[in-house]
Amino acid sequence: MGKVVLVTGAARQLGGRFVRRIQRDPDVERVIAVDAVTPPHRLGSAEFVRTDIRQSAIARVLAEHAVDTVVHLAVTGGRATGVRSAVKETNVIGTMQLLGACQKSPTVRRLVVKSSTSVYGGTPRDPAVFAETTQPKTLPSAGFAKDAVEVEGYVRGFARRRPDVAVCVLRFANILGPFADSALAEYFSMPVMPTVLGYDPRLQFVHEDDVLDVLGLAAREPRRGTLNSGTFNIAGDGVLLLSQCSRRLGRPTVPLLLPAVTWVGSALRTVGVTDFSPEQIRLLTHGRVVETTQMRDVLGFEPMYTTAETFADFARSRRGALLPPDRVGRAVDAVAGLLDVELDGVPDGALDEGAKR
């Protein structure tokens, strides 16, 4: 009999695409797609089970279908406005509940977890390149990055309790492509991109097609000479500066002092233009680059797209896809009003101090 694969987060774009992709694997007999909401897209021949992984019912799903491989894609950034608490619960509590169910399951033999290079944080004291064993100077204290750190901690605990289960954690760089629906994709779609004055961060990207391929590889039995258990950075070769990204998109930038960028981010979240979160501001200030030697030498994965090629494919898909003028207008008005209020209360010299920081 073939493998029975359970995929969480099937209602999201990436999860749905992976569900359809893994069905083509000749070693896979059945795919069980799980989410708390009904997917807006087709799932092929997969069996969809509507359940919330925060609830104990997920253990029953594993048992009823004799699942042997779990691909956990329900760890996401979400949006900062309105649903942050629910997203955090799904990321952290949902992962805890899923791992508890996997621990009790006698059939589970492989676990793949989608994580993020945001676990390395973002500070001016960061190393030029992060390896999987590099400890961040300062652990993320909020947002999706903190969720990812907590999730990885629970996964490591599970791996110690169930050494018979092959556990693979994939730390993805920023995911882009024609179908990307992330906060960073929204930022790059803005007609004018706010940046931090005096900073031009180095960025890495991974193409969504490469994400699907490496998830499929991690879910399969390893080839000779490779090992698909452990923690791996996943990114395309090379880096791009934020200024290079803006030029390749044909988007102008507006350099602002760091306090002003924070206020702009708050206004953009308020009017729903983009999820311009504090952790994204840190990324656009300090950047982040990771080493991918383990990805090639141990996992045995070679991305089809470099960072530059990934961004080029994304840029082609965004030609003319600017944000609607009414949303941009509301954002500009909100930013102007917020800056007027904030600047009235800023003591003399405070902005200069902010620039120094």
Protein backbone atom coordinates (compact mmCIF):
# COMPACT_ATOMS: atom_id res chain seq x y z
CA MET A 1 0.00 0.00 0.00
CA GLY A 2 1.10 3.56 -0.71
CA LYS A 3 1.59 6.41 1.71
CA VAL A 4 -1.24 8.31 3.37
CA VAL A 5 -0.30 12.01 3.58
CA LEU A 6 -2.12 14.57 5.72
CA VAL A 7 -1.64 18.25 4.78
CA THR A 8 -2.68 21.08 7.10
CA GLY A 9 -3.44 24.59 5.83
CA ALA A 10 -5.11 23.25 2.68
CA ALA A 11 -7.36 26.30 2.26
CA ARG A 12 -4.43 28.62 1.63
CA GLN A 13 -3.03 29.03 -1.87
CA LEU A 14 0.26 27.25 -1.14
CA GLY A 15 -1.42 24.44 0.77
CA GLY A 16 -3.91 23.81 -2.03
CA ARG A 17 -1.17 23.69 -4.64
CA PHE A 18 0.85 21.25 -2.57
CA VAL A 19 -2.17 18.99 -2.06
CA ARG A 20 -2.64 18.78 -5.84
CA ARG A 21 1.11 18.29 -6.39
CA ILE A 22 1.64 15.48 -3.88
CA GLN A 23 -1.17 13.46 -5.45
CA ARG A 24 1.07 12.95 -8.49
CA ASP A 25 3.68 11.14 -6.40
CA PRO A 26 3.44 7.43 -7.39
CA ASP A 27 4.25 6.38 -3.81
CA VAL A 28 1.25 8.27 -2.40
CA GLU A 29 -2.01 6.36 -2.16
CA ARG A 30 -4.22 8.96 -0.45
CA VAL A 31 -4.04 12.62 0.54
CA ILE A 32 -6.05 14.02 3.45
CA ALA A 33 -6.42 17.82 3.23
CA VAL A 34 -7.23 19.59 6.50
CA ASP A 35 -8.29 23.15 7.31
CA ALA A 36 -10.77 24.99 9.52
CA VAL A 37 -12.42 26.58 6.47
CA THR A 38 -13.52 25.19 3.13
CA PRO A 39 -10.86 25.78 0.45
CA PRO A 40 -11.83 28.20 -2.35
CA HIS A 41 -9.83 26.09 -4.83
CA ARG A 42 -9.90 22.55 -6.15
CA LEU A 43 -8.04 19.82 -4.26
CA GLY A 44 -8.08 17.15 -6.96
CA SER A 45 -8.79 13.68 -5.63
CA ALA A 46 -7.77 14.56 -2.07
CA GLU A 47 -10.25 13.96 0.74
CA PHE A 48 -10.99 17.24 2.51
CA VAL A 49 -11.68 17.13 6.25
CA ARG A 50 -12.90 20.37 7.76
CA THR A 51 -11.41 20.50 11.24
CA ASP A 52 -9.55 23.00 13.38
CA ILE A 53 -6.11 21.72 14.36
CA ARG A 54 -6.48 23.62 17.63
CA GLN A 55 -9.06 21.00 18.63
CA SER A 56 -8.45 17.43 19.74
CA ALA A 57 -10.43 16.14 16.74
CA ILE A 58 -7.21 16.16 14.69
CA ALA A 59 -6.11 13.02 16.60
CA ARG A 60 -9.22 11.22 15.38
CA VAL A 61 -8.45 12.22 11.79
CA LEU A 62 -4.93 10.74 12.05
CA ALA A 63 -6.29 7.53 13.51
CA GLU A 64 -9.25 7.06 11.14
CA HIS A 65 -7.10 7.43 8.04
CA ALA A 66 -3.96 5.68 9.37
CA VAL A 67 -1.84 8.66 8.34
CA ASP A 68 1.89 7.95 8.08
CA THR A 69 3.14 11.34 6.77
CA VAL A 70 2.13 14.77 8.08
CA VAL A 71 3.00 17.97 6.18
CA HIS A 72 2.25 20.94 8.44
CA LEU A 73 1.68 24.07 6.33
CA ALA A 74 -0.71 25.87 8.69
CA VAL A 75 2.03 28.01 10.29
CA THR A 76 1.43 31.35 8.60
CA GLY A 77 1.88 35.08 9.06
CA GLY A 78 -1.76 36.08 8.64
CA ARG A 79 -2.65 39.76 8.80
CA ALA A 80 -1.78 42.08 11.63
CA THR A 81 -5.22 43.70 11.81
CA GLY A 82 -8.07 42.06 13.61
CA VAL A 83 -7.11 38.38 13.49
CA ARG A 84 -3.61 38.30 14.96
CA SER A 85 -4.73 36.45 18.10
CA ALA A 86 -6.51 33.76 16.04
CA VAL A 87 -3.47 33.37 13.78
CA LYS A 88 -1.18 32.96 16.78
CA GLU A 89 -3.49 30.35 18.28
CA THR A 90 -3.48 28.37 15.04
CA ASN A 91 0.29 28.66 14.71
CA VAL A 92 1.21 27.76 18.29
CA ILE A 93 -1.75 26.03 19.95
CA GLY A 94 -2.65 24.30 16.69
CA THR A 95 0.90 22.98 16.32
CA MET A 96 0.92 21.75 19.92
CA GLN A 97 -2.36 19.92 19.37
CA LEU A 98 -1.14 18.41 16.09
CA LEU A 99 2.14 17.25 17.63
CA GLY A 100 0.27 15.73 20.55
CA ALA A 101 -1.87 13.78 18.10
CA CYS A 102 1.21 12.67 16.14
CA GLN A 103 2.92 11.55 19.34
CA LYS A 104 0.02 9.23 20.18
CA SER A 105 -0.35 7.90 16.64
CA PRO A 106 1.30 4.51 16.02
CA THR A 107 1.20 5.02 12.24
CA VAL A 108 2.93 8.41 11.82
CA ARG A 109 6.50 7.96 10.55
CA ARG A 110 7.32 11.30 8.93
CA LEU A 111 6.66 14.95 9.84
CA VAL A 112 7.45 17.96 7.65
CA VAL A 113 7.02 21.45 9.11
CA LYS A 114 7.01 24.71 7.15
CA SER A 115 8.98 27.33 9.08
CA SER A 116 10.70 30.60 8.17
CA THR A 117 14.12 32.23 8.23
CA SER A 118 12.44 34.94 10.32
CA VAL A 119 13.39 32.79 13.35
CA TYR A 120 16.84 34.39 13.07
CA GLY A 121 15.36 37.78 13.93
CA GLY A 122 16.63 41.08 12.61
CA THR A 123 19.08 43.35 14.42
CA PRO A 124 22.03 45.52 13.39
CA ARG A 125 24.35 43.05 15.16
CA ASP A 126 23.35 40.07 13.03
CA PRO A 127 26.00 38.07 11.13
CA ALA A 128 26.28 38.53 7.39
CA VAL A 129 24.98 34.99 6.77
CA PHE A 130 22.93 32.70 9.01
CA ALA A 131 23.60 28.95 9.10
CA GLU A 132 21.08 26.53 10.61
CA THR A 133 23.14 26.37 13.80
CA THR A 134 23.52 30.16 14.18
CA GLN A 135 21.89 31.50 17.30
CA PRO A 136 20.12 34.86 16.81
CA LYS A 137 21.54 37.83 18.69
CA THR A 138 18.05 38.61 19.94
CA LEU A 139 15.09 36.24 19.72
CA PRO A 140 12.01 37.66 17.99
CA SER A 141 9.69 39.08 20.62
CA ALA A 142 6.42 39.35 18.70
CA GLY A 143 4.51 38.48 15.54
CA PHE A 144 4.92 35.58 13.17
CA ALA A 145 8.68 35.32 13.84
CA LYS A 146 8.03 34.62 17.53
CA ASP A 147 5.35 32.07 16.55
CA ALA A 148 7.85 30.28 14.31
CA VAL A 149 10.43 30.15 17.12
CA GLU A 150 7.87 28.63 19.49
CA VAL A 151 6.68 26.15 16.86
CA GLU A 152 10.22 24.94 16.22
CA GLY A 153 10.75 24.51 19.95
CA TYR A 154 7.70 22.26 20.21
CA VAL A 155 8.82 20.31 17.13
CA ARG A 156 12.24 19.66 18.69
CA GLY A 157 10.51 18.37 21.81
CA PHE A 158 8.36 16.05 19.70
CA ALA A 159 11.45 14.75 17.88
CA ARG A 160 13.04 13.83 21.22
CA ARG A 161 9.91 12.00 22.39
CA ARG A 162 9.41 10.16 19.08
CA PRO A 163 12.89 9.36 17.72
CA ASP A 164 11.28 6.82 15.39
CA VAL A 165 9.62 9.65 13.40
CA ALA A 166 11.69 11.43 10.73
CA VAL A 167 11.21 15.17 11.38
CA CYS A 168 12.11 17.77 8.76
CA VAL A 169 11.86 21.54 9.46
CA LEU A 170 12.16 23.75 6.39
CA ARG A 171 13.08 27.38 7.06
CA PHE A 172 11.97 29.23 3.96
CA ALA A 173 13.29 32.60 2.89
CA ASN A 174 10.68 35.08 1.59
CA ILE A 175 8.41 33.17 -0.79
CA LEU A 176 7.61 34.92 -4.08
CA GLY A 177 6.15 33.97 -7.44
CA PRO A 178 3.18 34.72 -9.69
CA PHE A 179 0.69 33.45 -7.08
CA ALA A 180 2.39 34.84 -3.97
CA ASP A 181 -0.06 36.30 -1.44
CA SER A 182 2.34 37.27 1.34
CA ALA A 183 2.76 40.61 3.09
CA LEU A 184 6.04 41.16 1.24
CA ALA A 185 4.31 40.56 -2.11
CA GLU A 186 1.77 43.24 -1.15
CA TYR A 187 4.59 45.61 -0.22
CA PHE A 188 6.27 45.12 -3.60
CA SER A 189 2.91 45.80 -5.29
CA MET A 190 2.59 49.27 -3.78
CA PRO A 191 2.89 52.16 -6.27
CA VAL A 192 5.40 53.85 -3.96
CA MET A 193 7.47 51.77 -1.54
CA PRO A 194 8.43 53.36 1.80
CA THR A 195 11.98 52.48 2.84
CA VAL A 196 14.17 53.25 5.85
CA LEU A 197 16.48 56.18 5.25
CA GLY A 198 20.14 55.14 5.17
CA TYR A 199 19.49 51.40 4.75
CA ASP A 200 19.58 49.17 1.68
CA PRO A 201 19.02 45.64 3.01
CA ARG A 202 20.10 42.40 1.36
CA LEU A 203 17.17 40.10 0.62
CA GLN A 204 16.79 36.46 -0.40
CA PHE A 205 13.81 34.84 -2.07
CA VAL A 206 12.60 31.33 -2.82
CA HIS A 207 10.23 30.60 -5.68
CA GLU A 208 6.85 29.09 -4.80
CA ASP A 209 7.47 26.26 -7.29
CA ASP A 210 10.70 25.40 -5.47
CA VAL A 211 8.75 25.46 -2.20
CA LEU A 212 6.37 22.82 -3.57
CA ASP A 213 9.25 20.70 -4.87
CA VAL A 214 11.23 20.71 -1.62
CA LEU A 215 8.11 19.95 0.43
CA GLY A 216 7.50 16.94 -1.82
CA LEU A 217 11.12 15.84 -1.43
CA ALA A 218 10.95 16.12 2.36
CA ALA A 219 7.75 14.07 2.46
CA ARG A 220 9.31 11.17 0.53
CA GLU A 221 11.77 8.49 1.55
CA PRO A 222 15.31 9.89 1.23
CA ARG A 223 17.49 8.96 -1.72
CA ARG A 224 20.80 7.22 -1.15
CA GLY A 225 23.33 9.70 0.22
CA THR A 226 20.69 12.17 1.43
CA LEU A 227 18.79 12.64 4.66
CA ASN A 228 15.42 14.38 4.80
CA SER A 229 15.31 14.89 8.54
CA GLY A 230 16.74 17.86 10.38
CA THR A 231 16.45 21.63 9.95
CA PHE A 232 17.26 23.25 6.60
CA ASN A 233 17.44 26.79 5.25
CA ILE A 234 15.66 26.99 1.88
CA ALA A 235 16.49 29.91 -0.43
CA GLY A 236 17.52 30.64 -3.99
CA ASP A 237 21.14 31.44 -4.79
CA GLY A 238 22.31 35.02 -4.53
CA VAL A 239 20.89 38.16 -2.97
CA LEU A 240 19.20 41.36 -4.11
CA LEU A 241 19.34 44.77 -2.52
CA LEU A 242 16.02 46.45 -1.83
CA SER A 243 17.05 49.25 -4.20
CA GLN A 244 17.60 46.67 -6.97
CA CYS A 245 14.13 45.23 -6.30
CA SER A 246 12.48 48.64 -6.64
CA ARG A 247 14.31 49.38 -9.91
CA ARG A 248 13.37 45.99 -11.40
CA LEU A 249 9.75 46.62 -10.48
CA GLY A 250 9.82 50.17 -11.78
CA ARG A 251 8.49 51.36 -8.41
CA PRO A 252 9.76 54.57 -6.80
CA THR A 253 10.79 54.53 -3.16
CA VAL A 254 10.30 57.11 -0.41
CA PRO A 255 13.14 56.98 2.14
CA LEU A 256 11.84 57.86 5.62
CA LEU A 257 13.37 58.05 9.06
CA LEU A 258 12.77 54.85 11.02
CA PRO A 259 10.14 56.39 13.37
CA ALA A 260 8.23 57.68 10.34
CA VAL A 261 8.34 54.24 8.67
CA THR A 262 6.83 52.76 11.82
CA TRP A 263 3.99 55.30 11.71
CA VAL A 264 3.47 54.63 8.00
CA GLY A 265 3.28 50.89 8.70
CA SER A 266 0.65 51.48 11.35
CA ALA A 267 -1.44 53.58 8.96
CA LEU A 268 -1.16 51.04 6.15
CA ARG A 269 -2.35 48.26 8.45
CA THR A 270 -5.21 50.43 9.69
CA VAL A 271 -6.63 51.02 6.21
CA GLY A 272 -5.92 47.46 5.06
CA VAL A 273 -3.44 48.30 2.30
CA THR A 274 -0.81 45.81 3.45
CA ASP A 275 0.32 43.92 6.52
CA PHE A 276 3.31 46.22 7.12
CA SER A 277 4.23 44.60 10.43
CA PRO A 278 7.12 45.54 12.75
CA GLU A 279 8.99 42.36 11.76
CA GLN A 280 8.69 43.31 8.08
CA ILE A 281 10.08 46.76 8.91
CA ARG A 282 13.05 45.06 10.58
CA LEU A 283 13.58 42.93 7.46
CA LEU A 284 13.47 46.04 5.27
CA THR A 285 15.96 47.71 7.59
CA HIS A 286 18.57 45.04 8.29
CA GLY A 287 17.81 42.37 5.66
CA ARG A 288 18.56 38.68 6.12
CA VAL A 289 20.73 36.17 4.24
CA VAL A 290 21.04 32.45 4.99
CA GLU A 291 23.46 29.72 4.02
CA THR A 292 22.03 26.82 2.00
CA THR A 293 24.88 24.28 2.00
CA GLN A 294 22.87 21.81 4.10
CA MET A 295 19.96 22.09 1.69
CA ARG A 296 22.15 20.78 -1.12
CA ASP A 297 24.58 18.44 0.61
CA VAL A 298 22.27 16.78 3.14
CA LEU A 299 18.71 17.24 1.90
CA GLY A 300 19.79 16.85 -1.72
CA PHE A 301 17.70 19.74 -3.05
CA GLU A 302 18.75 22.17 -5.81
CA PRO A 303 16.34 25.07 -6.44
CA MET A 304 15.35 25.75 -10.04
CA TYR A 305 15.28 29.50 -9.45
CA THR A 306 17.91 31.85 -8.06
CA THR A 307 16.86 34.80 -5.90
CA ALA A 308 17.11 37.11 -8.93
CA GLU A 309 15.13 34.73 -11.17
CA THR A 310 12.46 34.33 -8.48
CA PHE A 311 12.07 38.08 -8.24
CA ALA A 312 11.99 38.47 -12.02
CA ASP A 313 9.14 35.94 -12.28
CA PHE A 314 7.27 37.75 -9.53
CA ALA A 315 7.87 41.14 -11.20
CA ARG A 316 6.52 39.88 -14.54
CA SER A 317 3.31 38.81 -12.81
CA ARG A 318 2.92 42.24 -11.21
CA ARG A 319 3.20 44.36 -14.36
CA GLY A 320 0.37 46.86 -14.05
CA ALA A 321 -0.88 45.19 -10.87
CA LEU A 322 -0.67 48.29 -8.70
CA LEU A 323 -2.86 48.59 -5.65
CA PRO A 324 -6.25 50.23 -6.33
CA PRO A 325 -6.07 54.06 -6.29
CA ASP A 326 -8.82 54.39 -3.67
CA ARG A 327 -6.89 52.20 -1.22
CA VAL A 328 -3.70 54.11 -1.91
CA GLY A 329 -5.51 57.41 -1.43
CA ARG A 330 -6.88 56.32 1.92
CA ALA A 331 -3.42 55.20 2.96
CA VAL A 332 -1.84 58.53 1.97
CA ASP A 333 -4.50 60.48 3.89
CA ALA A 334 -4.10 58.25 6.93
CA VAL A 335 -0.31 58.54 6.87
CA ALA A 336 -0.47 62.32 6.51
CA GLY A 337 -2.89 62.62 9.40
CA LEU A 338 -0.89 60.27 11.58
CA LEU A 339 2.38 62.05 10.87
CA ASP A 340 0.79 65.42 11.70
CA VAL A 341 -0.40 64.10 15.05
CA GLU A 342 2.83 62.30 15.89
CA LEU A 343 5.18 65.07 14.84
CA ASP A 344 3.30 67.61 16.94
CA GLY A 345 4.19 65.60 20.00
CA VAL A 346 7.82 64.81 19.14
CA PRO A 347 10.36 66.82 21.20
CA ASP A 348 13.03 68.78 19.37
CA GLY A 349 15.92 66.56 18.38
CA ALA A 350 13.97 63.31 18.77
CA LEU A 351 13.90 62.64 15.05
CA ASP A 352 17.64 63.14 14.87
CA GLU A 353 18.04 60.61 17.66
CA GLY A 354 15.74 58.21 15.80
CA ALA A 355 17.88 58.56 12.69
CA LYS A 356 20.96 57.69 14.72
CA ARG A 357 19.30 54.50 15.93
